[in-house]
Amino acid sequence: MAAQNIEHIDVTSDQALSTWAKKLNATPEQIRDAVAEVGDRPNDVELHLKGSRASTNSERVAAQTHDG
C-alpha cells in the first residue's frame, strides 16, 4: 500500500527519499529539507526545489560533500 501512496513523501523511509530524490533530481537531504519547509506533498516539494536552486544540482551536491 505504501507504494500506492504518491500523495505524500515519507521522509522516514530511506527508500522513499531515494525514489523521490531521483524523480526530482535532488539529494535525499534536499528532499528532507524541502518537506520540512513546505510539507510532504510532492508538487509543493518540487516547486520549492525548483525555486530554491540558485545553482545546478550537481554544484549543490559537490558543495554538500565538501561541507561534511
Foldseek 3Di string as FASTA:
>chain_A
DVVPPLQFQDLVDPVSLVVLCVVLVAHSVLLVVLCVVQNGGSVSSSVVVVVPDPDDRVVVVVVVVVVD
